[in-house]
């Protein structure tokens, strides 16, 4: 892929990131800033190679193949590619049950597109 993609953060992903960084900042503001930059940099790199992330295994087992993720331990950055755009959908702590998180989001807000 030689084309460049636009990386767009969804509101749920932005909210996830605010929660993560806020939690870390309570104990260590400098580390929170470092992690914020690292997560943003990792997601921004999808502009040149969006297909490098793996298909989300928990969704793949149900035949849902359009969602990918990058692992930045312990976080999982979930995204979807559409035309020349990459939509960052969630940033989730990989130690949590992703199926429960996504199900709760779909029940709570039926406007979220996964």
N, C-alpha and C. Protein backbone atom coordinates (compact mmCIF):
# COMPACT_ATOMS: atom_id res chain seq x y z
N UNK A 1 0.83 -1.18 0.00
CA UNK A 1 0.00 0.00 0.00
C UNK A 1 0.88 1.24 0.00
N UNK A 2 0.73 1.99 -1.08
CA UNK A 2 1.52 3.20 -1.19
C UNK A 2 0.73 4.44 -0.81
N UNK A 3 -0.58 4.28 -0.67
CA UNK A 3 -1.43 5.42 -0.34
C UNK A 3 -1.31 5.77 1.13
N UNK A 4 -1.55 7.04 1.39
CA UNK A 4 -1.58 7.48 2.79
C UNK A 4 -3.04 7.55 3.25
N UNK A 5 -3.25 7.11 4.47
CA UNK A 5 -4.58 7.08 5.06
C UNK A 5 -4.71 8.18 6.10
N UNK A 6 -5.93 8.65 6.28
CA UNK A 6 -6.21 9.61 7.34
C UNK A 6 -6.63 8.82 8.58
N UNK A 7 -5.98 9.10 9.70
CA UNK A 7 -6.30 8.43 10.96
C UNK A 7 -7.26 9.32 11.74
N UNK A 8 -8.44 8.78 12.06
CA UNK A 8 -9.49 9.53 12.74
C UNK A 8 -9.84 8.82 14.04
N UNK A 9 -9.80 9.58 15.13
CA UNK A 9 -10.14 9.03 16.45
C UNK A 9 -11.63 9.20 16.71
N UNK A 10 -12.31 8.12 17.06
CA UNK A 10 -13.73 8.20 17.43
C UNK A 10 -13.83 8.77 18.85
N UNK A 11 -15.02 9.25 19.20
CA UNK A 11 -15.24 9.76 20.55
C UNK A 11 -15.02 8.68 21.61
N UNK A 12 -15.50 7.45 21.40
CA UNK A 12 -15.23 6.41 22.41
C UNK A 12 -13.73 6.14 22.59
N UNK A 13 -12.98 6.18 21.52
CA UNK A 13 -11.53 5.96 21.63
C UNK A 13 -10.87 7.12 22.38
N UNK A 14 -11.30 8.34 22.08
CA UNK A 14 -10.77 9.51 22.80
C UNK A 14 -11.10 9.40 24.28
N UNK A 15 -12.31 8.97 24.58
CA UNK A 15 -12.73 8.81 25.97
C UNK A 15 -11.90 7.73 26.67
N UNK A 16 -11.68 6.61 25.97
CA UNK A 16 -10.82 5.55 26.51
C UNK A 16 -9.45 6.11 26.87
N UNK A 17 -8.90 6.87 25.95
CA UNK A 17 -7.56 7.41 26.16
C UNK A 17 -7.53 8.39 27.32
N UNK A 18 -8.55 9.24 27.44
CA UNK A 18 -8.63 10.17 28.57
C UNK A 18 -8.68 9.41 29.90
N UNK A 19 -9.47 8.35 29.95
CA UNK A 19 -9.57 7.54 31.17
C UNK A 19 -8.23 6.90 31.52
N UNK A 20 -7.58 6.32 30.55
CA UNK A 20 -6.29 5.65 30.77
C UNK A 20 -5.27 6.65 31.28
N UNK A 21 -5.14 7.77 30.59
CA UNK A 21 -4.12 8.76 30.93
C UNK A 21 -4.46 9.41 32.28
N UNK A 22 -5.73 9.68 32.52
CA UNK A 22 -6.13 10.24 33.82
C UNK A 22 -5.79 9.32 34.96
N UNK A 23 -6.04 8.05 34.79
CA UNK A 23 -5.75 7.06 35.83
C UNK A 23 -4.24 7.01 36.12
N UNK A 24 -3.45 6.98 35.06
CA UNK A 24 -1.99 6.92 35.23
C UNK A 24 -1.47 8.22 35.83
N UNK A 25 -2.03 9.34 35.39
CA UNK A 25 -1.56 10.65 35.85
C UNK A 25 -1.78 10.86 37.35
N UNK A 26 -2.77 10.17 37.91
CA UNK A 26 -2.99 10.28 39.36
C UNK A 26 -1.75 9.87 40.14
N UNK A 27 -1.03 8.89 39.64
CA UNK A 27 0.18 8.40 40.29
C UNK A 27 1.46 8.98 39.72
N UNK A 28 1.46 9.21 38.38
CA UNK A 28 2.71 9.60 37.75
C UNK A 28 2.42 10.41 36.48
N UNK A 29 2.31 11.73 36.61
CA UNK A 29 1.99 12.57 35.45
C UNK A 29 3.00 12.47 34.31
N UNK A 30 4.27 12.35 34.64
CA UNK A 30 5.28 12.24 33.58
C UNK A 30 5.11 10.95 32.79
N UNK A 31 4.84 9.86 33.47
CA UNK A 31 4.61 8.60 32.79
C UNK A 31 3.34 8.67 31.95
N UNK A 32 2.33 9.33 32.45
CA UNK A 32 1.08 9.49 31.71
C UNK A 32 1.34 10.20 30.39
N UNK A 33 2.13 11.26 30.41
CA UNK A 33 2.45 11.99 29.18
C UNK A 33 3.22 11.11 28.20
N UNK A 34 4.15 10.33 28.74
CA UNK A 34 4.96 9.43 27.91
C UNK A 34 4.07 8.38 27.23
N UNK A 35 3.15 7.82 28.00
CA UNK A 35 2.26 6.79 27.45
C UNK A 35 1.29 7.39 26.44
N UNK A 36 0.78 8.58 26.71
CA UNK A 36 -0.10 9.26 25.76
C UNK A 36 0.61 9.43 24.42
N UNK A 37 1.83 9.92 24.45
CA UNK A 37 2.59 10.11 23.21
C UNK A 37 2.81 8.79 22.48
N UNK A 38 3.10 7.75 23.25
CA UNK A 38 3.36 6.44 22.65
C UNK A 38 2.11 5.87 21.98
N UNK A 39 0.97 5.97 22.64
CA UNK A 39 -0.28 5.48 22.05
C UNK A 39 -0.65 6.28 20.82
N UNK A 40 -0.57 7.60 20.91
CA UNK A 40 -0.90 8.46 19.76
C UNK A 40 0.04 8.20 18.59
N UNK A 41 1.33 8.05 18.87
CA UNK A 41 2.32 7.79 17.82
C UNK A 41 2.05 6.45 17.14
N UNK A 42 1.72 5.44 17.94
CA UNK A 42 1.42 4.11 17.40
C UNK A 42 0.21 4.17 16.47
N UNK A 43 -0.85 4.83 16.92
CA UNK A 43 -2.05 4.94 16.09
C UNK A 43 -1.79 5.79 14.84
N UNK A 44 -1.02 6.84 14.98
CA UNK A 44 -0.73 7.72 13.84
C UNK A 44 0.03 6.98 12.74
N UNK A 45 0.83 5.99 13.12
CA UNK A 45 1.61 5.22 12.15
C UNK A 45 0.73 4.38 11.24
N UNK A 46 -0.55 4.26 11.57
CA UNK A 46 -1.47 3.52 10.72
C UNK A 46 -1.73 4.25 9.40
N UNK A 47 -1.31 5.51 9.31
CA UNK A 47 -1.54 6.27 8.08
C UNK A 47 -0.82 5.67 6.88
N UNK A 48 0.26 4.95 7.11
CA UNK A 48 1.02 4.36 6.01
C UNK A 48 0.84 2.85 5.87
N UNK A 49 0.49 2.19 6.94
CA UNK A 49 0.37 0.73 6.87
C UNK A 49 -0.76 0.21 7.76
N UNK A 50 -1.99 0.53 7.43
CA UNK A 50 -3.10 0.17 8.31
C UNK A 50 -3.37 -1.33 8.41
N UNK A 51 -2.97 -2.09 7.42
CA UNK A 51 -3.26 -3.53 7.46
C UNK A 51 -2.24 -4.32 8.28
N UNK A 52 -1.30 -3.63 8.90
CA UNK A 52 -0.29 -4.34 9.68
C UNK A 52 -0.85 -4.91 10.98
N UNK A 53 -1.94 -4.35 11.48
CA UNK A 53 -2.56 -4.87 12.70
C UNK A 53 -3.29 -6.17 12.42
N UNK A 54 -3.40 -6.98 13.44
CA UNK A 54 -4.09 -8.26 13.27
C UNK A 54 -5.60 -8.06 13.38
N UNK A 55 -6.34 -9.00 12.82
CA UNK A 55 -7.79 -9.02 12.99
C UNK A 55 -8.06 -9.37 14.45
N UNK A 56 -9.00 -8.69 15.08
CA UNK A 56 -9.30 -8.90 16.50
C UNK A 56 -9.79 -10.34 16.70
N UNK A 57 -9.02 -11.16 17.43
CA UNK A 57 -9.36 -12.59 17.56
C UNK A 57 -10.73 -12.86 18.17
N UNK A 58 -11.13 -12.07 19.15
CA UNK A 58 -12.43 -12.28 19.80
C UNK A 58 -13.59 -12.03 18.84
N UNK A 59 -13.38 -11.19 17.84
CA UNK A 59 -14.41 -10.92 16.84
C UNK A 59 -14.29 -11.89 15.67
N UNK A 60 -13.07 -12.25 15.34
CA UNK A 60 -12.82 -13.16 14.23
C UNK A 60 -13.54 -14.49 14.42
N UNK A 61 -13.59 -14.96 15.65
CA UNK A 61 -14.25 -16.25 15.89
C UNK A 61 -15.75 -16.21 15.59
N UNK A 62 -16.31 -15.00 15.47
CA UNK A 62 -17.71 -14.84 15.10
C UNK A 62 -17.85 -14.42 13.63
N UNK A 63 -16.75 -14.47 12.89
CA UNK A 63 -16.78 -14.11 11.48
C UNK A 63 -16.75 -12.62 11.22
N UNK A 64 -16.43 -11.83 12.23
CA UNK A 64 -16.35 -10.37 12.08
C UNK A 64 -14.88 -10.04 11.79
N UNK A 65 -14.61 -9.67 10.54
CA UNK A 65 -13.22 -9.56 10.09
C UNK A 65 -12.77 -8.13 9.76
N UNK A 66 -13.65 -7.15 9.88
CA UNK A 66 -13.28 -5.80 9.46
C UNK A 66 -12.56 -4.98 10.53
N UNK A 67 -12.41 -5.54 11.71
CA UNK A 67 -11.77 -4.81 12.80
C UNK A 67 -10.38 -5.37 13.08
N UNK A 68 -9.45 -4.46 13.22
CA UNK A 68 -8.06 -4.83 13.46
C UNK A 68 -7.60 -4.20 14.76
N UNK A 69 -6.42 -4.63 15.19
CA UNK A 69 -5.88 -4.05 16.41
C UNK A 69 -4.36 -4.05 16.36
N UNK A 70 -3.82 -3.08 17.08
CA UNK A 70 -2.40 -3.04 17.38
C UNK A 70 -2.26 -3.28 18.87
N UNK A 71 -1.25 -4.03 19.23
CA UNK A 71 -1.00 -4.30 20.64
C UNK A 71 0.15 -3.42 21.10
N UNK A 72 -0.10 -2.67 22.13
CA UNK A 72 0.91 -1.84 22.79
C UNK A 72 0.74 -2.15 24.27
N UNK A 73 1.33 -3.26 24.68
CA UNK A 73 1.06 -3.82 26.01
C UNK A 73 1.08 -2.79 27.10
N UNK A 74 0.05 -2.80 27.94
CA UNK A 74 -1.05 -3.75 28.01
C UNK A 74 -2.28 -3.32 27.21
N UNK A 75 -2.15 -2.32 26.34
CA UNK A 75 -3.32 -1.78 25.64
C UNK A 75 -3.48 -2.38 24.26
N UNK A 76 -4.72 -2.38 23.84
CA UNK A 76 -5.09 -2.83 22.51
C UNK A 76 -5.79 -1.66 21.82
N UNK A 77 -5.27 -1.26 20.68
CA UNK A 77 -5.84 -0.17 19.91
C UNK A 77 -6.67 -0.79 18.79
N UNK A 78 -8.00 -0.69 18.89
CA UNK A 78 -8.89 -1.29 17.91
C UNK A 78 -9.25 -0.25 16.85
N UNK A 79 -9.27 -0.69 15.59
CA UNK A 79 -9.57 0.24 14.51
C UNK A 79 -10.21 -0.49 13.33
N UNK A 80 -10.71 0.32 12.42
CA UNK A 80 -11.35 -0.18 11.20
C UNK A 80 -10.85 0.66 10.04
N UNK A 81 -10.60 0.00 8.92
CA UNK A 81 -10.16 0.68 7.70
C UNK A 81 -11.37 0.84 6.79
N UNK A 82 -11.55 2.04 6.26
CA UNK A 82 -12.63 2.28 5.31
C UNK A 82 -12.12 3.26 4.25
N UNK A 83 -12.02 2.76 3.04
CA UNK A 83 -11.48 3.53 1.92
C UNK A 83 -10.10 4.04 2.30
N UNK A 84 -9.91 5.35 2.34
CA UNK A 84 -8.58 5.89 2.68
C UNK A 84 -8.54 6.47 4.09
N UNK A 85 -9.38 5.90 4.96
CA UNK A 85 -9.44 6.35 6.35
C UNK A 85 -9.25 5.18 7.30
N UNK A 86 -8.64 5.48 8.44
CA UNK A 86 -8.51 4.50 9.52
C UNK A 86 -9.22 5.11 10.72
N UNK A 87 -10.24 4.42 11.21
CA UNK A 87 -11.00 4.90 12.35
C UNK A 87 -10.54 4.16 13.61
N UNK A 88 -9.94 4.90 14.53
CA UNK A 88 -9.55 4.32 15.82
C UNK A 88 -10.82 4.28 16.65
N UNK A 89 -11.21 3.07 17.07
CA UNK A 89 -12.50 2.87 17.72
C UNK A 89 -12.41 2.74 19.23
N UNK A 90 -11.32 2.15 19.72
CA UNK A 90 -11.20 1.91 21.16
C UNK A 90 -9.74 1.74 21.53
N UNK A 91 -9.44 2.09 22.76
CA UNK A 91 -8.15 1.77 23.37
C UNK A 91 -8.52 1.06 24.66
N UNK A 92 -8.23 -0.24 24.71
CA UNK A 92 -8.71 -1.08 25.80
C UNK A 92 -7.52 -1.73 26.50
N UNK A 93 -7.61 -1.81 27.80
CA UNK A 93 -6.61 -2.54 28.58
C UNK A 93 -6.72 -4.01 28.22
N UNK A 94 -5.66 -4.58 27.71
CA UNK A 94 -5.65 -5.96 27.26
C UNK A 94 -5.87 -6.98 28.36
N UNK A 95 -5.80 -6.56 29.60
CA UNK A 95 -6.04 -7.48 30.72
C UNK A 95 -7.52 -7.62 31.02
N UNK A 96 -8.33 -6.80 30.36
CA UNK A 96 -9.78 -6.87 30.57
C UNK A 96 -10.41 -7.74 29.48
N UNK A 97 -11.66 -8.13 29.69
CA UNK A 97 -12.37 -8.96 28.73
C UNK A 97 -12.95 -8.06 27.63
N UNK A 98 -12.36 -8.14 26.46
CA UNK A 98 -12.76 -7.25 25.37
C UNK A 98 -14.20 -7.52 24.90
N UNK A 99 -14.63 -8.77 24.94
CA UNK A 99 -15.99 -9.09 24.52
C UNK A 99 -17.01 -8.38 25.41
N UNK A 100 -16.79 -8.41 26.71
CA UNK A 100 -17.70 -7.73 27.64
C UNK A 100 -17.70 -6.23 27.41
N UNK A 101 -16.54 -5.66 27.20
CA UNK A 101 -16.43 -4.21 26.98
C UNK A 101 -17.20 -3.79 25.74
N UNK A 102 -16.98 -4.50 24.62
CA UNK A 102 -17.66 -4.14 23.38
C UNK A 102 -19.17 -4.35 23.48
N UNK A 103 -19.58 -5.43 24.11
CA UNK A 103 -21.01 -5.69 24.29
C UNK A 103 -21.66 -4.59 25.13
N UNK A 104 -21.01 -4.20 26.21
CA UNK A 104 -21.54 -3.11 27.06
C UNK A 104 -21.65 -1.81 26.28
N UNK A 105 -20.69 -1.54 25.43
CA UNK A 105 -20.74 -0.31 24.64
C UNK A 105 -21.89 -0.34 23.65
N UNK A 106 -22.10 -1.47 23.04
CA UNK A 106 -23.18 -1.56 22.05
C UNK A 106 -24.54 -1.44 22.73
N UNK A 107 -24.68 -1.99 23.92
CA UNK A 107 -25.94 -1.89 24.66
C UNK A 107 -26.15 -0.46 25.14
N UNK A 108 -25.08 0.18 25.62
CA UNK A 108 -25.17 1.52 26.20
C UNK A 108 -25.43 2.58 25.13
N UNK A 109 -24.84 2.41 23.94
CA UNK A 109 -24.93 3.45 22.92
C UNK A 109 -25.07 2.79 21.55
N UNK A 110 -26.28 2.72 21.05
CA UNK A 110 -26.49 2.05 19.77
C UNK A 110 -26.02 2.88 18.58
N UNK A 111 -25.45 4.07 18.81
CA UNK A 111 -24.91 4.86 17.72
C UNK A 111 -23.46 4.54 17.43
N UNK A 112 -22.83 3.74 18.29
CA UNK A 112 -21.43 3.36 18.06
C UNK A 112 -21.39 2.34 16.95
N UNK A 113 -20.54 2.59 15.97
CA UNK A 113 -20.39 1.69 14.85
C UNK A 113 -19.12 0.88 15.01
N UNK A 114 -19.29 -0.42 15.11
CA UNK A 114 -18.13 -1.32 15.16
C UNK A 114 -18.12 -2.18 13.94
